[in-house]
Every structure is written in C-alpha cells, then in structure tokens.
Amino acid sequence: MADTQQVDARAERKVSRLAHRISAFAKAHGGAEGQVAYIGERGARIVLVGEDGGWGDLVAPTKEIAEKAVEKAGITVHESFDGEFAAKVTTGTYEWKRMAGIQVGG
C-alpha cells in the first residue's frame, strides 16, 4: 500500500509541475490551447499553442499524467493538431530553414 501511495504522490507532483509550466506558457502568450499525443514508451507529448502564435511542447511520462496536467492548467484541449488549431501556430525563419533542410536531407 505504501508503494502505491509513493507512486501516486510522485505522479501528482509531476502533474503539478507540468500544470505550472503550462500555466506559465499560457500567461506568457496571452492564453493557450493544447493537444496531447501518445508517443509510445516515452509517454505523451503536450503541444501548446499560445494566442500570440507562439508554440512549445512538453513531454509527460504517461498520457494520464499529461491529461491531468492540461486539465489542472485549465486550457482548451484539442483531439488532434489540425485545422484552425494548427493554423494558429506562427513559424519564423528558423523553423522554415529547418523544414527546408529536412526536405533536402540537411
């Protein structure tokens, strides 16, 4: 029983830390929306898009922890990263150069 409580306490601390980072991102970008995607053994990726077009991501150890973190942060969560949600992302010169480099093998 004590081991389960330790795991639960660790998971709750992780949820709180992620929710704090999500909230800080939202505050810095005039609000935020997100999407949670399972990435296999590594856990889940939380993609964040700010109202100003800024974006970022976080990785949680499990999808459950990621979902609890976005819920605790109180942001809108989308099922997929497409449509109007994806169109909110602002990309700069760096991203375009990286994407071009990937396309040509660089």
PDB file of N, CA and C in Angstrom:
ATOM      1  N   MET A   1       0.817  -1.200   0.000  1.00  0.00           N
ATOM      2  CA  MET A   1       0.000   0.000   0.000  1.00  0.00           C
ATOM      3  C   MET A   1       0.857   1.260   0.000  1.00  0.00           C
ATOM      4  N   ALA A   2       1.941   1.241   0.775  1.00  0.00           N
ATOM      5  CA  ALA A   2       2.805   2.419   0.851  1.00  0.00           C
ATOM      6  C   ALA A   2       3.453   2.713  -0.496  1.00  0.00           C
ATOM      7  N   ASP A   3       3.821   1.662  -1.247  1.00  0.00           N
ATOM      8  CA  ASP A   3       4.429   1.853  -2.563  1.00  0.00           C
ATOM      9  C   ASP A   3       3.464   2.552  -3.515  1.00  0.00           C
ATOM     10  N   THR A   4       2.193   2.160  -3.472  1.00  0.00           N
ATOM     11  CA  THR A   4       1.181   2.783  -4.326  1.00  0.00           C
ATOM     12  C   THR A   4       1.018   4.246  -3.980  1.00  0.00           C
ATOM     13  N   GLN A   5       1.041   4.565  -2.699  1.00  0.00           N
ATOM     14  CA  GLN A   5       0.920   5.958  -2.266  1.00  0.00           C
ATOM     15  C   GLN A   5       2.115   6.777  -2.733  1.00  0.00           C
ATOM     16  N   GLN A   6       3.322   6.161  -2.702  1.00  0.00           N
ATOM     17  CA  GLN A   6       4.529   6.850  -3.175  1.00  0.00           C
ATOM     18  C   GLN A   6       4.427   7.153  -4.664  1.00  0.00           C
ATOM     19  N   VAL A   7       3.973   6.166  -5.445  1.00  0.00           N
ATOM     20  CA  VAL A   7       3.814   6.348  -6.885  1.00  0.00           C
ATOM     21  C   VAL A   7       2.778   7.428  -7.155  1.00  0.00           C
ATOM     22  N   ASP A   8       1.650   7.372  -6.448  1.00  0.00           N
ATOM     23  CA  ASP A   8       0.602   8.380  -6.624  1.00  0.00           C
ATOM     24  C   ASP A   8       1.112   9.772  -6.271  1.00  0.00           C
ATOM     25  N   ALA A   9       1.874   9.878  -5.198  1.00  0.00           N
ATOM     26  CA  ALA A   9       2.411  11.181  -4.792  1.00  0.00           C
ATOM     27  C   ALA A   9       3.391  11.705  -5.836  1.00  0.00           C
ATOM     28  N   ARG A  10       4.221  10.824  -6.388  1.00  0.00           N
ATOM     29  CA  ARG A  10       5.161  11.235  -7.431  1.00  0.00           C
ATOM     30  C   ARG A  10       4.421  11.695  -8.678  1.00  0.00           C
ATOM     31  N   ALA A  11       3.389  10.954  -9.055  1.00  0.00           N
ATOM     32  CA  ALA A  11       2.599  11.311 -10.233  1.00  0.00           C
ATOM     33  C   ALA A  11       1.918  12.659 -10.021  1.00  0.00           C
ATOM     34  N   GLU A  12       1.389  12.895  -8.842  1.00  0.00           N
ATOM     35  CA  GLU A  12       0.725  14.174  -8.551  1.00  0.00           C
ATOM     36  C   GLU A  12       1.707  15.337  -8.595  1.00  0.00           C
ATOM     37  N   ARG A  13       2.931  15.116  -8.098  1.00  0.00           N
ATOM     38  CA  ARG A  13       3.953  16.169  -8.172  1.00  0.00           C
ATOM     39  C   ARG A  13       4.291  16.471  -9.627  1.00  0.00           C
ATOM     40  N   LYS A  14       4.385  15.435 -10.453  1.00  0.00           N
ATOM     41  CA  LYS A  14       4.679  15.624 -11.873  1.00  0.00           C
ATOM     42  C   LYS A  14       3.542  16.380 -12.546  1.00  0.00           C
ATOM     43  N   VAL A  15       2.293  16.016 -12.226  1.00  0.00           N
ATOM     44  CA  VAL A  15       1.120  16.716 -12.769  1.00  0.00           C
ATOM     45  C   VAL A  15       1.191  18.188 -12.382  1.00  0.00           C
ATOM     46  N   SER A  16       1.485  18.477 -11.134  1.00  0.00           N
ATOM     47  CA  SER A  16       1.550  19.864 -10.659  1.00  0.00           C
ATOM     48  C   SER A  16       2.648  20.650 -11.357  1.00  0.00           C
ATOM     49  N   ARG A  17       3.838  20.034 -11.532  1.00  0.00           N
ATOM     50  CA  ARG A  17       4.940  20.720 -12.208  1.00  0.00           C
ATOM     51  C   ARG A  17       4.585  21.024 -13.663  1.00  0.00           C
ATOM     52  N   LEU A  18       4.004  20.036 -14.356  1.00  0.00           N
ATOM     53  CA  LEU A  18       3.610  20.253 -15.744  1.00  0.00           C
ATOM     54  C   LEU A  18       2.515  21.319 -15.852  1.00  0.00           C
ATOM     55  N   ALA A  19       1.531  21.254 -14.968  1.00  0.00           N
ATOM     56  CA  ALA A  19       0.446  22.243 -14.989  1.00  0.00           C
ATOM     57  C   ALA A  19       0.995  23.645 -14.747  1.00  0.00           C
ATOM     58  N   HIS A  20       1.969  23.766 -13.869  1.00  0.00           N
ATOM     59  CA  HIS A  20       2.594  25.065 -13.598  1.00  0.00           C
ATOM     60  C   HIS A  20       3.293  25.584 -14.862  1.00  0.00           C
ATOM     61  N   ARG A  21       4.009  24.717 -15.563  1.00  0.00           N
ATOM     62  CA  ARG A  21       4.710  25.118 -16.792  1.00  0.00           C
ATOM     63  C   ARG A  21       3.720  25.484 -17.895  1.00  0.00           C
ATOM     64  N   ILE A  22       2.624  24.741 -17.981  1.00  0.00           N
ATOM     65  CA  ILE A  22       1.588  25.042 -18.972  1.00  0.00           C
ATOM     66  C   ILE A  22       0.966  26.400 -18.666  1.00  0.00           C
ATOM     67  N   SER A  23       0.660  26.630 -17.399  1.00  0.00           N
ATOM     68  CA  SER A  23       0.072  27.916 -16.996  1.00  0.00           C
ATOM     69  C   SER A  23       1.022  29.071 -17.252  1.00  0.00           C
ATOM     70  N   ALA A  24       2.311  28.868 -17.000  1.00  0.00           N
ATOM     71  CA  ALA A  24       3.306  29.915 -17.257  1.00  0.00           C
ATOM     72  C   ALA A  24       3.381  30.215 -18.755  1.00  0.00           C
ATOM     73  N   PHE A  25       3.327  29.179 -19.593  1.00  0.00           N
ATOM     74  CA  PHE A  25       3.330  29.367 -21.036  1.00  0.00           C
ATOM     75  C   PHE A  25       2.094  30.174 -21.448  1.00  0.00           C
ATOM     76  N   ALA A  26       0.945  29.778 -20.931  1.00  0.00           N
ATOM     77  CA  ALA A  26      -0.306  30.473 -21.266  1.00  0.00           C
ATOM     78  C   ALA A  26      -0.242  31.943 -20.862  1.00  0.00           C
ATOM     79  N   LYS A  27       0.292  32.210 -19.685  1.00  0.00           N
ATOM     80  CA  LYS A  27       0.402  33.590 -19.209  1.00  0.00           C
ATOM     81  C   LYS A  27       1.334  34.407 -20.110  1.00  0.00           C
ATOM     82  N   ALA A  28       2.423  33.796 -20.538  1.00  0.00           N
ATOM     83  CA  ALA A  28       3.403  34.491 -21.375  1.00  0.00           C
ATOM     84  C   ALA A  28       2.904  34.729 -22.803  1.00  0.00           C
ATOM     85  N   HIS A  29       1.906  33.967 -23.234  1.00  0.00           N
ATOM     86  CA  HIS A  29       1.454  34.038 -24.623  1.00  0.00           C
ATOM     87  C   HIS A  29      -0.006  34.466 -24.763  1.00  0.00           C
ATOM     88  N   GLY A  30      -0.546  35.096 -23.723  1.00  0.00           N
ATOM     89  CA  GLY A  30      -1.911  35.619 -23.798  1.00  0.00           C
ATOM     90  C   GLY A  30      -2.978  34.550 -23.814  1.00  0.00           C
ATOM     91  N   GLY A  31      -2.685  33.385 -23.260  1.00  0.00           N
ATOM     92  CA  GLY A  31      -3.591  32.245 -23.266  1.00  0.00           C
ATOM     93  C   GLY A  31      -2.987  31.126 -24.086  1.00  0.00           C
ATOM     94  N   ALA A  32      -3.552  29.941 -23.954  1.00  0.00           N
ATOM     95  CA  ALA A  32      -3.005  28.804 -24.692  1.00  0.00           C
ATOM     96  C   ALA A  32      -4.057  27.724 -24.880  1.00  0.00           C
ATOM     97  N   GLU A  33      -3.824  26.930 -25.895  1.00  0.00           N
ATOM     98  CA  GLU A  33      -4.600  25.731 -26.160  1.00  0.00           C
ATOM     99  C   GLU A  33      -3.595  24.608 -26.339  1.00  0.00           C
ATOM    100  N   GLY A  34      -4.054  23.367 -26.236  1.00  0.00           N
ATOM    101  CA  GLY A  34      -3.114  22.272 -26.358  1.00  0.00           C
ATOM    102  C   GLY A  34      -3.693  21.032 -26.985  1.00  0.00           C
ATOM    103  N   GLN A  35      -2.809  20.065 -27.174  1.00  0.00           N
ATOM    104  CA  GLN A  35      -3.171  18.752 -27.686  1.00  0.00           C
ATOM    105  C   GLN A  35      -2.228  17.748 -27.054  1.00  0.00           C
ATOM    106  N   VAL A  36      -2.773  16.610 -26.625  1.00  0.00           N
ATOM    107  CA  VAL A  36      -1.974  15.558 -26.004  1.00  0.00           C
ATOM    108  C   VAL A  36      -1.895  14.387 -26.972  1.00  0.00           C
ATOM    109  N   ALA A  37      -0.668  13.925 -27.218  1.00  0.00           N
ATOM    110  CA  ALA A  37      -0.460  12.801 -28.137  1.00  0.00           C
ATOM    111  C   ALA A  37       0.414  11.745 -27.472  1.00  0.00           C
ATOM    112  N   TYR A  38      -0.027  10.510 -27.512  1.00  0.00           N
ATOM    113  CA  TYR A  38       0.739   9.380 -27.002  1.00  0.00           C
ATOM    114  C   TYR A  38       1.955   9.176 -27.892  1.00  0.00           C
ATOM    115  N   ILE A  39       3.140   9.051 -27.304  1.00  0.00           N
ATOM    116  CA  ILE A  39       4.366   8.865 -28.099  1.00  0.00           C
ATOM    117  C   ILE A  39       5.082   7.561 -27.747  1.00  0.00           C
ATOM    118  N   GLY A  40       4.332   6.583 -27.305  1.00  0.00           N
ATOM    119  CA  GLY A  40       4.918   5.278 -27.003  1.00  0.00           C
ATOM    120  C   GLY A  40       5.494   5.203 -25.606  1.00  0.00           C
ATOM    121  N   GLU A  41       6.549   4.442 -25.465  1.00  0.00           N
ATOM    122  CA  GLU A  41       7.155   4.218 -24.155  1.00  0.00           C
ATOM    123  C   GLU A  41       7.611   5.500 -23.474  1.00  0.00           C
ATOM    124  N   ARG A  42       7.915   6.532 -24.268  1.00  0.00           N
ATOM    125  CA  ARG A  42       8.377   7.803 -23.694  1.00  0.00           C
ATOM    126  C   ARG A  42       7.261   8.536 -22.975  1.00  0.00           C
ATOM    127  N   GLY A  43       5.995   8.209 -23.263  1.00  0.00           N
ATOM    128  CA  GLY A  43       4.889   8.864 -22.583  1.00  0.00           C
ATOM    129  C   GLY A  43       3.962   9.589 -23.521  1.00  0.00           C
ATOM    130  N   ALA A  44       3.773  10.881 -23.271  1.00  0.00           N
ATOM    131  CA  ALA A  44       2.857  11.682 -24.078  1.00  0.00           C
ATOM    132  C   ALA A  44       3.431  13.080 -24.271  1.00  0.00           C
ATOM    133  N   ARG A  45       3.185  13.623 -25.440  1.00  0.00           N
ATOM    134  CA  ARG A  45       3.648  14.964 -25.789  1.00  0.00           C
ATOM    135  C   ARG A  45       2.479  15.923 -25.641  1.00  0.00           C
ATOM    136  N   ILE A  46       2.712  17.020 -24.954  1.00  0.00           N
ATOM    137  CA  ILE A  46       1.728  18.087 -24.818  1.00  0.00           C
ATOM    138  C   ILE A  46       2.187  19.223 -25.720  1.00  0.00           C
ATOM    139  N   VAL A  47       1.458  19.467 -26.794  1.00  0.00           N
ATOM    140  CA  VAL A  47       1.776  20.567 -27.706  1.00  0.00           C
ATOM    141  C   VAL A  47       0.956  21.766 -27.264  1.00  0.00           C
ATOM    142  N   LEU A  48       1.607  22.901 -27.077  1.00  0.00           N
ATOM    143  CA  LEU A  48       0.945  24.125 -26.637  1.00  0.00           C
ATOM    144  C   LEU A  48       1.035  25.184 -27.722  1.00  0.00           C
ATOM    145  N   VAL A  49      -0.072  25.876 -27.949  1.00  0.00           N
ATOM    146  CA  VAL A  49      -0.107  26.976 -28.901  1.00  0.00           C
ATOM    147  C   VAL A  49      -0.700  28.183 -28.189  1.00  0.00           C
ATOM    148  N   GLY A  50       0.086  29.265 -28.138  1.00  0.00           N
ATOM    149  CA  GLY A  50      -0.360  30.478 -27.476  1.00  0.00           C
ATOM    150  C   GLY A  50      -1.261  31.306 -28.373  1.00  0.00           C
ATOM    151  N   GLU A  51      -2.012  32.195 -27.764  1.00  0.00           N
ATOM    152  CA  GLU A  51      -2.891  33.097 -28.519  1.00  0.00           C
ATOM    153  C   GLU A  51      -2.097  34.000 -29.461  1.00  0.00           C
ATOM    154  N   ASP A  52      -0.815  34.211 -29.139  1.00  0.00           N
ATOM    155  CA  ASP A  52       0.033  35.048 -29.985  1.00  0.00           C
ATOM    156  C   ASP A  52       0.723  34.262 -31.100  1.00  0.00           C
ATOM    157  N   GLY A  53       0.422  32.970 -31.214  1.00  0.00           N
ATOM    158  CA  GLY A  53       1.028  32.134 -32.243  1.00  0.00           C
ATOM    159  C   GLY A  53       2.265  31.395 -31.792  1.00  0.00           C
ATOM    160  N   GLY A  54       2.787  31.755 -30.623  1.00  0.00           N
ATOM    161  CA  GLY A  54       3.948  31.043 -30.093  1.00  0.00           C
ATOM    162  C   GLY A  54       3.573  29.612 -29.754  1.00  0.00           C
ATOM    163  N   TRP A  55       4.537  28.733 -29.811  1.00  0.00           N
ATOM    164  CA  TRP A  55       4.229  27.338 -29.526  1.00  0.00           C
ATOM    165  C   TRP A  55       5.387  26.667 -28.805  1.00  0.00           C
ATOM    166  N   GLY A  56       5.087  25.548 -28.204  1.00  0.00           N
ATOM    167  CA  GLY A  56       6.086  24.780 -27.489  1.00  0.00           C
ATOM    168  C   GLY A  56       5.513  23.425 -27.149  1.00  0.00           C
ATOM    169  N   ASP A  57       6.323  22.590 -26.534  1.00  0.00           N
ATOM    170  CA  ASP A  57       5.815  21.295 -26.135  1.00  0.00           C
ATOM    171  C   ASP A  57       6.511  20.817 -24.873  1.00  0.00           C
ATOM    172  N   LEU A  58       5.842  19.892 -24.231  1.00  0.00           N
ATOM    173  CA  LEU A  58       6.347  19.249 -23.021  1.00  0.00           C
ATOM    174  C   LEU A  58       6.135  17.758 -23.182  1.00  0.00           C
ATOM    175  N   VAL A  59       6.938  16.954 -22.495  1.00  0.00           N
ATOM    176  CA  VAL A  59       6.739  15.515 -22.517  1.00  0.00           C
ATOM    177  C   VAL A  59       6.427  15.054 -21.099  1.00  0.00           C
ATOM    178  N   ALA A  60       5.338  14.289 -20.979  1.00  0.00           N
ATOM    179  CA  ALA A  60       4.932  13.708 -19.704  1.00  0.00           C
ATOM    180  C   ALA A  60       5.246  12.212 -19.739  1.00  0.00           C
ATOM    181  N   PRO A  61       5.508  11.614 -18.585  1.00  0.00           N
ATOM    182  CA  PRO A  61       5.867  10.194 -18.576  1.00  0.00           C
ATOM    183  C   PRO A  61       4.721   9.255 -18.990  1.00  0.00           C
ATOM    184  N   THR A  62       3.471   9.708 -18.839  1.00  0.00           N
ATOM    185  CA  THR A  62       2.318   8.906 -19.259  1.00  0.00           C
ATOM    186  C   THR A  62       1.261   9.831 -19.849  1.00  0.00           C
ATOM    187  N   LYS A  63       0.373   9.248 -20.642  1.00  0.00           N
ATOM    188  CA  LYS A  63      -0.724  10.036 -21.215  1.00  0.00           C
ATOM    189  C   LYS A  63      -1.668  10.503 -20.112  1.00  0.00           C
ATOM    190  N   GLU A  64      -1.874   9.661 -19.113  1.00  0.00           N
ATOM    191  CA  GLU A  64      -2.751  10.015 -17.992  1.00  0.00           C
ATOM    192  C   GLU A  64      -2.229  11.259 -17.259  1.00  0.00           C
ATOM    193  N   ILE A  65      -0.936  11.306 -17.006  1.00  0.00           N
ATOM    194  CA  ILE A  65      -0.341  12.466 -16.337  1.00  0.00           C
ATOM    195  C   ILE A  65      -0.481  13.704 -17.213  1.00  0.00           C
ATOM    196  N   ALA A  66      -0.254  13.563 -18.508  1.00  0.00           N
ATOM    197  CA  ALA A  66      -0.398  14.697 -19.428  1.00  0.00           C
ATOM    198  C   ALA A  66      -1.824  15.232 -19.415  1.00  0.00           C
ATOM    199  N   GLU A  67      -2.790  14.335 -19.478  1.00  0.00           N
ATOM    200  CA  GLU A  67      -4.194  14.756 -19.487  1.00  0.00           C
ATOM    201  C   GLU A  67      -4.589  15.443 -18.184  1.00  0.00           C
ATOM    202  N   LYS A  68      -4.099  14.930 -17.059  1.00  0.00           N
ATOM    203  CA  LYS A  68      -4.387  15.562 -15.767  1.00  0.00           C
ATOM    204  C   LYS A  68      -3.739  16.948 -15.691  1.00  0.00           C
ATOM    205  N   ALA A  69      -2.533  17.087 -16.252  1.00  0.00           N
ATOM    206  CA  ALA A  69      -1.817  18.365 -16.210  1.00  0.00           C
ATOM    207  C   ALA A  69      -2.547  19.435 -17.019  1.00  0.00           C
ATOM    208  N   VAL A  70      -2.998  19.098 -18.234  1.00  0.00           N
ATOM    209  CA  VAL A  70      -3.699  20.107 -19.032  1.00  0.00           C
ATOM    210  C   VAL A  70      -5.039  20.463 -18.395  1.00  0.00           C
ATOM    211  N   GLU A  71      -5.674  19.475 -17.777  1.00  0.00           N
ATOM    212  CA  GLU A  71      -6.935  19.744 -17.078  1.00  0.00           C
ATOM    213  C   GLU A  71      -6.697  20.679 -15.896  1.00  0.00           C
ATOM    214  N   LYS A  72      -5.656  20.398 -15.121  1.00  0.00           N
ATOM    215  CA  LYS A  72      -5.335  21.227 -13.956  1.00  0.00           C
ATOM    216  C   LYS A  72      -4.964  22.650 -14.380  1.00  0.00           C
ATOM    217  N   ALA A  73      -4.293  22.782 -15.529  1.00  0.00           N
ATOM    218  CA  ALA A  73      -3.912  24.106 -16.019  1.00  0.00           C
ATOM    219  C   ALA A  73      -5.116  24.861 -16.578  1.00  0.00           C
ATOM    220  N   GLY A  74      -6.168  24.145 -16.918  1.00  0.00           N
ATOM    221  CA  GLY A  74      -7.393  24.791 -17.376  1.00  0.00           C
ATOM    222  C   GLY A  74      -7.379  25.289 -18.812  1.00  0.00           C
ATOM    223  N   ILE A  75      -6.549  24.692 -19.658  1.00  0.00           N
ATOM    224  CA  ILE A  75      -6.512  25.134 -21.056  1.00  0.00           C
ATOM    225  C   ILE A  75      -7.473  24.291 -21.899  1.00  0.00           C
ATOM    226  N   THR A  76      -7.840  24.815 -23.051  1.00  0.00           N
ATOM    227  CA  THR A  76      -8.643  24.066 -24.011  1.00  0.00           C
ATOM    228  C   THR A  76      -7.764  23.008 -24.654  1.00  0.00           C
ATOM    229  N   VAL A  77      -8.270  21.785 -24.750  1.00  0.00           N
ATOM    230  CA  VAL A  77      -7.501  20.686 -25.323  1.00  0.00           C
ATOM    231  C   VAL A  77      -8.218  20.183 -26.571  1.00  0.00           C
ATOM    232  N   HIS A  78      -7.457  20.017 -27.632  1.00  0.00           N
ATOM    233  CA  HIS A  78      -7.975  19.535 -28.912  1.00  0.00           C
ATOM    234  C   HIS A  78      -7.637  18.057 -29.083  1.00  0.00           C
ATOM    235  N   GLU A  79      -8.484  17.346 -29.817  1.00  0.00           N
ATOM    236  CA  GLU A  79      -8.265  15.926 -30.087  1.00  0.00           C
ATOM    237  C   GLU A  79      -7.092  15.715 -31.048  1.00  0.00           C
ATOM    238  N   SER A  80      -6.930  16.636 -32.002  1.00  0.00           N
ATOM    239  CA  SER A  80      -5.859  16.486 -32.975  1.00  0.00           C
ATOM    240  C   SER A  80      -5.231  17.842 -33.267  1.00  0.00           C
ATOM    241  N   PHE A  81      -4.054  17.793 -33.873  1.00  0.00           N
ATOM    242  CA  PHE A  81      -3.331  19.014 -34.197  1.00  0.00           C
ATOM    243  C   PHE A  81      -3.547  19.327 -35.669  1.00  0.00           C
ATOM    244  N   ASP A  82      -4.702  19.909 -35.969  1.00  0.00           N
ATOM    245  CA  ASP A  82      -5.017  20.239 -37.352  1.00  0.00           C
ATOM    246  C   ASP A  82      -6.021  21.387 -37.401  1.00  0.00           C
ATOM    247  N   GLY A  83      -6.409  21.757 -38.607  1.00  0.00           N
ATOM    248  CA  GLY A  83      -7.434  22.774 -38.792  1.00  0.00           C
ATOM    249  C   GLY A  83      -7.081  24.117 -38.202  1.00  0.00           C
ATOM    250  N   GLU A  84      -8.090  24.767 -37.631  1.00  0.00           N
ATOM    251  CA  GLU A  84      -7.921  26.111 -37.066  1.00  0.00           C
ATOM    252  C   GLU A  84      -6.879  26.129 -35.947  1.00  0.00           C
ATOM    253  N   PHE A  85      -6.825  25.056 -35.178  1.00  0.00           N
ATOM    254  CA  PHE A  85      -5.858  24.987 -34.088  1.00  0.00           C
ATOM    255  C   PHE A  85      -4.429  25.051 -34.624  1.00  0.00           C
ATOM    256  N   ALA A  86      -4.106  24.222 -35.587  1.00  0.00           N
ATOM    257  CA  ALA A  86      -2.759  24.211 -36.174  1.00  0.00           C
ATOM    258  C   ALA A  86      -2.452  25.525 -36.886  1.00  0.00           C
ATOM    259  N   ALA A  87      -3.471  26.137 -37.468  1.00  0.00           N
ATOM    260  CA  ALA A  87      -3.278  27.394 -38.204  1.00  0.00           C
ATOM    261  C   ALA A  87      -2.890  28.547 -37.287  1.00  0.00           C
ATOM    262  N   LYS A  88      -3.079  28.407 -35.976  1.00  0.00           N
ATOM    263  CA  LYS A  88      -2.722  29.463 -35.024  1.00  0.00           C
ATOM    264  C   LYS A  88      -1.216  29.565 -34.805  1.00  0.00           C
ATOM    265  N   VAL A  89      -0.473  28.525 -35.173  1.00  0.00           N
ATOM    266  CA  VAL A  89       0.971  28.497 -34.945  1.00  0.00           C
ATOM    267  C   VAL A  89       1.664  29.485 -35.884  1.00  0.00           C
ATOM    268  N   THR A  90       2.521  30.307 -35.303  1.00  0.00           N
ATOM    269  CA  THR A  90       3.338  31.227 -36.079  1.00  0.00           C
ATOM    270  C   THR A  90       4.726  30.623 -36.197  1.00  0.00           C
ATOM    271  N   THR A  91       5.203  30.484 -37.426  1.00  0.00           N
ATOM    272  CA  THR A  91       6.549  29.962 -37.620  1.00  0.00           C
ATOM    273  C   THR A  91       7.443  31.084 -38.121  1.00  0.00           C
ATOM    274  N   GLY A  92       8.676  31.006 -37.731  1.00  0.00           N
ATOM    275  CA  GLY A  92       9.638  32.025 -38.125  1.00  0.00           C
ATOM    276  C   GLY A  92      10.663  31.479 -39.091  1.00  0.00           C
ATOM    277  N   THR A  93      11.670  32.272 -39.342  1.00  0.00           N
ATOM    278  CA  THR A  93      12.743  31.918 -40.270  1.00  0.00           C
ATOM    279  C   THR A  93      13.438  30.626 -39.851  1.00  0.00           C
ATOM    280  N   TYR A  94      13.685  30.481 -38.560  1.00  0.00           N
ATOM    281  CA  TYR A  94      14.376  29.286 -38.064  1.00  0.00           C
ATOM    282  C   TYR A  94      13.615  28.016 -38.462  1.00  0.00           C
ATOM    283  N   GLU A  95      12.309  27.999 -38.187  1.00  0.00           N
ATOM    284  CA  GLU A  95      11.510  26.816 -38.492  1.00  0.00           C
ATOM    285  C   GLU A  95      11.490  26.520 -39.989  1.00  0.00           C
ATOM    286  N   TRP A  96      11.334  27.555 -40.815  1.00  0.00           N
ATOM    287  CA  TRP A  96      11.301  27.355 -42.259  1.00  0.00           C
ATOM    288  C   TRP A  96      12.635  26.820 -42.765  1.00  0.00           C
ATOM    289  N   LYS A  97      13.734  27.317 -42.226  1.00  0.00           N
ATOM    290  CA  LYS A  97      15.048  26.813 -42.631  1.00  0.00           C
ATOM    291  C   LYS A  97      15.220  25.356 -42.215  1.00  0.00           C
ATOM    292  N   ARG A  98      14.768  25.030 -41.002  1.00  0.00           N
ATOM    293  CA  ARG A  98      14.858  23.639 -40.528  1.00  0.00           C
ATOM    294  C   ARG A  98      14.024  22.717 -41.405  1.00  0.00           C
ATOM    295  N   MET A  99      12.800  23.142 -41.717  1.00  0.00           N
ATOM    296  CA  MET A  99      11.937  22.300 -42.547  1.00  0.00           C
ATOM    297  C   MET A  99      12.534  22.136 -43.943  1.00  0.00           C
ATOM    298  N   ALA A 100      13.099  23.185 -44.489  1.00  0.00           N
ATOM    299  CA  ALA A 100      13.726  23.105 -45.805  1.00  0.00           C
ATOM    300  C   ALA A 100      14.938  22.188 -45.759  1.00  0.00           C
ATOM    301  N   GLY A 101      15.710  22.278 -44.700  1.00  0.00           N
ATOM    302  CA  GLY A 101      16.884  21.413 -44.543  1.00  0.00           C
ATOM    303  C   GLY A 101      16.509  19.946 -44.450  1.00  0.00           C
ATOM    304  N   ILE A 102      15.422  19.654 -43.768  1.00  0.00           N
ATOM    305  CA  ILE A 102      14.956  18.278 -43.650  1.00  0.00           C
ATOM    306  C   ILE A 102      14.518  17.766 -45.021  1.00  0.00           C
ATOM    307  N   GLN A 103      13.853  18.622 -45.783  1.00  0.00           N
ATOM    308  CA  GLN A 103      13.370  18.226 -47.100  1.00  0.00           C
ATOM    309  C   GLN A 103      14.508  17.897 -48.060  1.00  0.00           C
ATOM    310  N   VAL A 104      15.620  18.598 -47.931  1.00  0.00           N
ATOM    311  CA  VAL A 104      16.735  18.362 -48.852  1.00  0.00           C
ATOM    312  C   VAL A 104      17.838  17.512 -48.226  1.00  0.00           C
ATOM    313  N   GLY A 105      17.506  16.885 -47.102  1.00  0.00           N
ATOM    314  CA  GLY A 105      18.447  15.956 -46.482  1.00  0.00           C
ATOM    315  C   GLY A 105      19.449  16.590 -45.556  1.00  0.00           C
ATOM    316  N   GLY A 106      19.246  17.859 -45.189  1.00  0.00           N
ATOM    317  CA  GLY A 106      20.209  18.540 -44.339  1.00  0.00           C
ATOM    318  C   GLY A 106      19.836  18.589 -42.978  1.00  0.00           C
TER     319      GLY A 106
END
